[in-house]
Amino acid sequence: SSTLPNLFDDHPPFQIDGNFGATAAVAEMLVQSHQKRIDLLPALPDAWNSGSVRGLVLRGGLTIDIEWEDGVLKSATLHASHDCDIPLVYGHQRKEFSLKAGEEIDITW
């Protein structure tokens, strides 16, 4: 009852941690970049059957675009700001990627 339709926190006084916390929680549901790996769609709600996100910034300076349909990953594009080796995990599958600075790769499963 204290969240507006745009996900801003409506609890007086204005609380910036509530506003940033809500968007961070949504981002963590779609992609997590903890433990030196990237987990795709780790907590996708059933209500978000299809959708996409573009330019989501991950830990370590990477960004990702992801799209899902019928609750299943459809596509992902990883953009690197620096040279890196990173494992990606989707469900029980794991793939290793090496990227150079400025490189982007399309990931398929």
N, C-alpha and C. Protein backbone atom coordinates (compact mmCIF):
# COMPACT_ATOMS: atom_id res chain seq x y z
N SER A 1 0.81 -1.20 0.00
CA SER A 1 0.00 0.00 0.00
C SER A 1 0.86 1.26 0.00
N SER A 2 2.15 1.12 0.24
CA SER A 2 3.03 2.29 0.27
C SER A 2 3.88 2.40 -0.98
N THR A 3 3.51 1.68 -2.04
CA THR A 3 4.25 1.75 -3.29
C THR A 3 3.33 2.26 -4.39
N LEU A 4 3.76 3.29 -5.09
CA LEU A 4 2.99 3.86 -6.19
C LEU A 4 3.12 3.00 -7.44
N PRO A 5 2.26 3.19 -8.44
CA PRO A 5 2.33 2.39 -9.67
C PRO A 5 3.69 2.46 -10.37
N ASN A 6 4.42 3.56 -10.21
CA ASN A 6 5.74 3.69 -10.84
C ASN A 6 6.85 3.10 -9.96
N LEU A 7 6.48 2.40 -8.89
CA LEU A 7 7.36 1.73 -7.94
C LEU A 7 8.07 2.69 -6.98
N PHE A 8 7.72 3.98 -6.99
CA PHE A 8 8.26 4.89 -5.99
C PHE A 8 7.66 4.57 -4.63
N ASP A 9 8.43 4.78 -3.59
CA ASP A 9 7.99 4.58 -2.22
C ASP A 9 7.15 5.79 -1.81
N ASP A 10 5.95 5.55 -1.31
CA ASP A 10 5.03 6.63 -0.94
C ASP A 10 4.93 6.78 0.58
N HIS A 11 5.90 6.29 1.29
CA HIS A 11 5.87 6.34 2.74
C HIS A 11 6.48 7.66 3.20
N PRO A 12 5.71 8.54 3.88
CA PRO A 12 6.28 9.80 4.33
C PRO A 12 7.23 9.58 5.51
N PRO A 13 8.31 10.30 5.63
CA PRO A 13 8.80 11.22 4.62
C PRO A 13 9.40 10.45 3.44
N PHE A 14 9.66 11.17 2.35
CA PHE A 14 10.24 10.55 1.17
C PHE A 14 11.48 9.74 1.55
N GLN A 15 11.53 8.49 1.12
CA GLN A 15 12.65 7.62 1.49
C GLN A 15 13.33 7.10 0.23
N ILE A 16 14.49 7.64 -0.06
CA ILE A 16 15.21 7.25 -1.27
C ILE A 16 15.64 5.80 -1.22
N ASP A 17 15.93 5.26 -0.04
CA ASP A 17 16.34 3.87 0.04
C ASP A 17 15.20 2.94 -0.38
N GLY A 18 13.97 3.34 -0.12
CA GLY A 18 12.83 2.54 -0.58
C GLY A 18 12.72 2.56 -2.09
N ASN A 19 12.95 3.72 -2.70
CA ASN A 19 12.87 3.83 -4.16
C ASN A 19 13.99 3.04 -4.84
N PHE A 20 15.20 3.19 -4.38
CA PHE A 20 16.31 2.45 -4.98
C PHE A 20 16.23 0.96 -4.64
N GLY A 21 15.78 0.65 -3.44
CA GLY A 21 15.68 -0.74 -3.02
C GLY A 21 14.71 -1.54 -3.87
N ALA A 22 13.59 -0.94 -4.24
CA ALA A 22 12.60 -1.64 -5.06
C ALA A 22 13.15 -1.95 -6.45
N THR A 23 13.81 -0.98 -7.07
CA THR A 23 14.36 -1.23 -8.40
C THR A 23 15.52 -2.22 -8.34
N ALA A 24 16.32 -2.17 -7.29
CA ALA A 24 17.41 -3.14 -7.13
C ALA A 24 16.85 -4.55 -6.97
N ALA A 25 15.76 -4.68 -6.25
CA ALA A 25 15.14 -6.00 -6.06
C ALA A 25 14.64 -6.56 -7.39
N VAL A 26 14.02 -5.72 -8.21
CA VAL A 26 13.56 -6.16 -9.52
C VAL A 26 14.75 -6.61 -10.38
N ALA A 27 15.81 -5.83 -10.38
CA ALA A 27 17.01 -6.20 -11.16
C ALA A 27 17.58 -7.53 -10.70
N GLU A 28 17.62 -7.76 -9.39
CA GLU A 28 18.16 -9.02 -8.85
C GLU A 28 17.30 -10.22 -9.21
N MET A 29 16.00 -9.99 -9.44
CA MET A 29 15.12 -11.08 -9.86
C MET A 29 15.43 -11.51 -11.29
N LEU A 30 15.93 -10.57 -12.09
CA LEU A 30 16.19 -10.85 -13.51
C LEU A 30 17.60 -11.33 -13.78
N VAL A 31 18.56 -10.79 -13.07
CA VAL A 31 19.95 -11.21 -13.27
C VAL A 31 20.74 -10.91 -12.00
N GLN A 32 21.58 -11.85 -11.62
CA GLN A 32 22.44 -11.66 -10.46
C GLN A 32 23.89 -11.82 -10.90
N SER A 33 24.75 -10.99 -10.33
CA SER A 33 26.17 -11.04 -10.70
C SER A 33 27.03 -11.12 -9.45
N HIS A 34 26.69 -12.04 -8.59
CA HIS A 34 27.45 -12.30 -7.37
C HIS A 34 28.43 -13.43 -7.62
N GLN A 35 29.36 -13.63 -6.72
CA GLN A 35 30.25 -14.79 -6.70
C GLN A 35 31.00 -14.99 -8.02
N LYS A 36 31.33 -13.87 -8.68
CA LYS A 36 32.12 -13.89 -9.92
C LYS A 36 31.48 -14.73 -11.02
N ARG A 37 30.14 -14.68 -11.08
CA ARG A 37 29.40 -15.34 -12.16
C ARG A 37 28.12 -14.55 -12.38
N ILE A 38 27.46 -14.83 -13.50
CA ILE A 38 26.20 -14.16 -13.84
C ILE A 38 25.11 -15.22 -13.91
N ASP A 39 24.06 -15.04 -13.13
CA ASP A 39 22.90 -15.93 -13.15
C ASP A 39 21.75 -15.22 -13.86
N LEU A 40 21.24 -15.84 -14.93
CA LEU A 40 20.17 -15.25 -15.72
C LEU A 40 18.81 -15.75 -15.26
N LEU A 41 17.88 -14.85 -15.07
CA LEU A 41 16.51 -15.12 -14.64
C LEU A 41 16.43 -16.04 -13.43
N PRO A 42 17.15 -15.71 -12.36
CA PRO A 42 17.17 -16.60 -11.20
C PRO A 42 15.87 -16.63 -10.40
N ALA A 43 15.05 -15.59 -10.51
CA ALA A 43 13.81 -15.52 -9.72
C ALA A 43 12.70 -14.84 -10.52
N LEU A 44 12.51 -15.29 -11.74
CA LEU A 44 11.49 -14.69 -12.62
C LEU A 44 10.10 -15.03 -12.10
N PRO A 45 9.30 -14.01 -11.75
CA PRO A 45 7.94 -14.28 -11.26
C PRO A 45 7.05 -14.87 -12.37
N ASP A 46 6.14 -15.73 -12.00
CA ASP A 46 5.20 -16.31 -12.97
C ASP A 46 4.40 -15.23 -13.70
N ALA A 47 4.12 -14.13 -13.01
CA ALA A 47 3.33 -13.04 -13.60
C ALA A 47 4.08 -12.32 -14.72
N TRP A 48 5.39 -12.46 -14.79
CA TRP A 48 6.19 -11.83 -15.84
C TRP A 48 6.54 -12.87 -16.89
N ASN A 49 5.54 -13.43 -17.51
CA ASN A 49 5.70 -14.53 -18.45
C ASN A 49 6.63 -14.18 -19.60
N SER A 50 6.51 -12.98 -20.12
CA SER A 50 7.35 -12.53 -21.23
C SER A 50 7.80 -11.10 -20.95
N GLY A 51 9.00 -10.77 -21.43
CA GLY A 51 9.50 -9.42 -21.24
C GLY A 51 10.94 -9.28 -21.66
N SER A 52 11.49 -8.11 -21.38
CA SER A 52 12.89 -7.85 -21.72
C SER A 52 13.42 -6.72 -20.86
N VAL A 53 14.74 -6.66 -20.79
CA VAL A 53 15.42 -5.56 -20.12
C VAL A 53 16.67 -5.27 -20.94
N ARG A 54 17.01 -4.00 -21.07
CA ARG A 54 18.17 -3.58 -21.87
C ARG A 54 19.09 -2.71 -21.02
N GLY A 55 20.38 -2.95 -21.14
CA GLY A 55 21.37 -2.10 -20.49
C GLY A 55 21.46 -2.25 -18.99
N LEU A 56 21.12 -3.42 -18.49
CA LEU A 56 21.21 -3.65 -17.05
C LEU A 56 22.68 -3.80 -16.67
N VAL A 57 23.16 -2.96 -15.75
CA VAL A 57 24.57 -2.95 -15.36
C VAL A 57 24.83 -4.02 -14.32
N LEU A 58 25.87 -4.81 -14.55
CA LEU A 58 26.25 -5.90 -13.66
C LEU A 58 27.50 -5.51 -12.89
N ARG A 59 27.77 -6.25 -11.84
CA ARG A 59 29.01 -6.03 -11.10
C ARG A 59 30.20 -6.30 -12.03
N GLY A 60 31.23 -5.51 -11.86
CA GLY A 60 32.42 -5.69 -12.68
C GLY A 60 32.41 -4.90 -13.97
N GLY A 61 31.41 -4.04 -14.18
CA GLY A 61 31.40 -3.17 -15.35
C GLY A 61 30.83 -3.78 -16.61
N LEU A 62 30.14 -4.89 -16.53
CA LEU A 62 29.48 -5.48 -17.69
C LEU A 62 28.05 -4.99 -17.75
N THR A 63 27.46 -5.00 -18.94
CA THR A 63 26.04 -4.74 -19.08
C THR A 63 25.42 -5.88 -19.88
N ILE A 64 24.11 -6.06 -19.71
CA ILE A 64 23.43 -7.16 -20.37
C ILE A 64 22.05 -6.73 -20.83
N ASP A 65 21.64 -7.29 -21.96
CA ASP A 65 20.28 -7.17 -22.47
C ASP A 65 19.72 -8.59 -22.45
N ILE A 66 18.53 -8.78 -21.90
CA ILE A 66 17.93 -10.12 -21.89
C ILE A 66 16.47 -10.03 -22.32
N GLU A 67 16.00 -11.10 -22.93
CA GLU A 67 14.60 -11.22 -23.33
C GLU A 67 14.13 -12.62 -23.01
N TRP A 68 12.91 -12.73 -22.49
CA TRP A 68 12.36 -14.04 -22.18
C TRP A 68 10.94 -14.12 -22.72
N GLU A 69 10.52 -15.34 -23.02
CA GLU A 69 9.18 -15.58 -23.56
C GLU A 69 8.66 -16.88 -22.97
N ASP A 70 7.42 -16.89 -22.55
CA ASP A 70 6.80 -18.05 -21.89
C ASP A 70 7.64 -18.54 -20.72
N GLY A 71 8.26 -17.59 -20.00
CA GLY A 71 9.05 -17.92 -18.82
C GLY A 71 10.41 -18.52 -19.11
N VAL A 72 10.83 -18.51 -20.38
CA VAL A 72 12.09 -19.13 -20.80
C VAL A 72 12.98 -18.08 -21.46
N LEU A 73 14.27 -18.13 -21.16
CA LEU A 73 15.23 -17.21 -21.77
C LEU A 73 15.19 -17.36 -23.28
N LYS A 74 15.00 -16.24 -23.97
CA LYS A 74 14.96 -16.23 -25.44
C LYS A 74 16.30 -15.76 -26.01
N SER A 75 16.84 -14.66 -25.42
CA SER A 75 18.12 -14.15 -25.90
C SER A 75 18.79 -13.35 -24.80
N ALA A 76 20.10 -13.24 -24.92
CA ALA A 76 20.89 -12.42 -24.01
C ALA A 76 22.10 -11.89 -24.79
N THR A 77 22.43 -10.64 -24.56
CA THR A 77 23.62 -10.03 -25.17
C THR A 77 24.42 -9.40 -24.04
N LEU A 78 25.68 -9.80 -23.95
CA LEU A 78 26.57 -9.31 -22.91
C LEU A 78 27.55 -8.32 -23.53
N HIS A 79 27.71 -7.16 -22.88
CA HIS A 79 28.59 -6.09 -23.35
C HIS A 79 29.71 -5.92 -22.32
N ALA A 80 30.96 -5.94 -22.79
CA ALA A 80 32.10 -5.83 -21.88
C ALA A 80 32.74 -4.45 -21.97
N SER A 81 33.03 -3.86 -20.81
CA SER A 81 33.76 -2.59 -20.78
C SER A 81 35.25 -2.82 -20.58
N HIS A 82 35.63 -4.07 -20.31
CA HIS A 82 37.03 -4.43 -20.10
C HIS A 82 37.21 -5.92 -20.41
N ASP A 83 38.43 -6.37 -20.54
CA ASP A 83 38.70 -7.79 -20.77
C ASP A 83 38.25 -8.59 -19.55
N CYS A 84 37.56 -9.70 -19.78
CA CYS A 84 37.12 -10.50 -18.65
C CYS A 84 36.79 -11.93 -19.07
N ASP A 85 36.88 -12.82 -18.13
CA ASP A 85 36.40 -14.19 -18.26
C ASP A 85 35.27 -14.33 -17.26
N ILE A 86 34.10 -14.77 -17.73
CA ILE A 86 32.95 -14.82 -16.84
C ILE A 86 32.08 -16.03 -17.14
N PRO A 87 31.70 -16.76 -16.12
CA PRO A 87 30.73 -17.84 -16.32
C PRO A 87 29.29 -17.30 -16.25
N LEU A 88 28.43 -17.81 -17.13
CA LEU A 88 27.01 -17.50 -17.10
C LEU A 88 26.26 -18.77 -16.74
N VAL A 89 25.25 -18.60 -15.89
CA VAL A 89 24.44 -19.72 -15.44
C VAL A 89 22.98 -19.42 -15.77
N TYR A 90 22.31 -20.40 -16.37
CA TYR A 90 20.88 -20.32 -16.62
C TYR A 90 20.29 -21.66 -16.23
N GLY A 91 19.49 -21.67 -15.18
CA GLY A 91 18.96 -22.93 -14.67
C GLY A 91 20.11 -23.80 -14.18
N HIS A 92 20.20 -25.01 -14.71
CA HIS A 92 21.28 -25.93 -14.32
C HIS A 92 22.42 -25.94 -15.34
N GLN A 93 22.36 -25.02 -16.31
CA GLN A 93 23.38 -24.96 -17.35
C GLN A 93 24.37 -23.85 -17.05
N ARG A 94 25.61 -24.11 -17.40
CA ARG A 94 26.68 -23.13 -17.16
C ARG A 94 27.56 -23.07 -18.41
N LYS A 95 27.90 -21.85 -18.84
CA LYS A 95 28.80 -21.62 -19.97
C LYS A 95 29.83 -20.58 -19.58
N GLU A 96 31.05 -20.75 -20.07
CA GLU A 96 32.15 -19.82 -19.79
C GLU A 96 32.37 -18.94 -21.02
N PHE A 97 32.60 -17.65 -20.78
CA PHE A 97 32.84 -16.71 -21.87
C PHE A 97 34.07 -15.87 -21.57
N SER A 98 34.83 -15.56 -22.61
CA SER A 98 35.95 -14.62 -22.54
C SER A 98 35.63 -13.46 -23.47
N LEU A 99 35.67 -12.26 -22.92
CA LEU A 99 35.35 -11.07 -23.70
C LEU A 99 36.50 -10.07 -23.63
N LYS A 100 36.67 -9.33 -24.69
CA LYS A 100 37.62 -8.23 -24.75
C LYS A 100 36.88 -6.91 -24.55
N ALA A 101 37.59 -5.90 -24.10
CA ALA A 101 36.99 -4.58 -23.88
C ALA A 101 36.29 -4.11 -25.14
N GLY A 102 35.03 -3.64 -25.01
CA GLY A 102 34.26 -3.15 -26.14
C GLY A 102 33.53 -4.23 -26.91
N GLU A 103 33.78 -5.48 -26.59
CA GLU A 103 33.14 -6.60 -27.30
C GLU A 103 31.74 -6.86 -26.74
N GLU A 104 30.88 -7.32 -27.63
CA GLU A 104 29.57 -7.80 -27.18
C GLU A 104 29.32 -9.16 -27.82
N ILE A 105 28.67 -10.03 -27.06
CA ILE A 105 28.37 -11.36 -27.58
C ILE A 105 26.91 -11.69 -27.35
N ASP A 106 26.35 -12.38 -28.34
CA ASP A 106 24.98 -12.89 -28.22
C ASP A 106 25.09 -14.29 -27.64
N ILE A 107 24.31 -14.55 -26.62
CA ILE A 107 24.36 -15.82 -25.90
C ILE A 107 23.11 -16.63 -26.22
N THR A 108 23.30 -17.85 -26.61
CA THR A 108 22.17 -18.74 -26.88
C THR A 108 22.29 -19.98 -26.01
N TRP A 109 21.15 -20.52 -25.67
CA TRP A 109 21.12 -21.76 -24.92
C TRP A 109 20.38 -22.81 -25.71
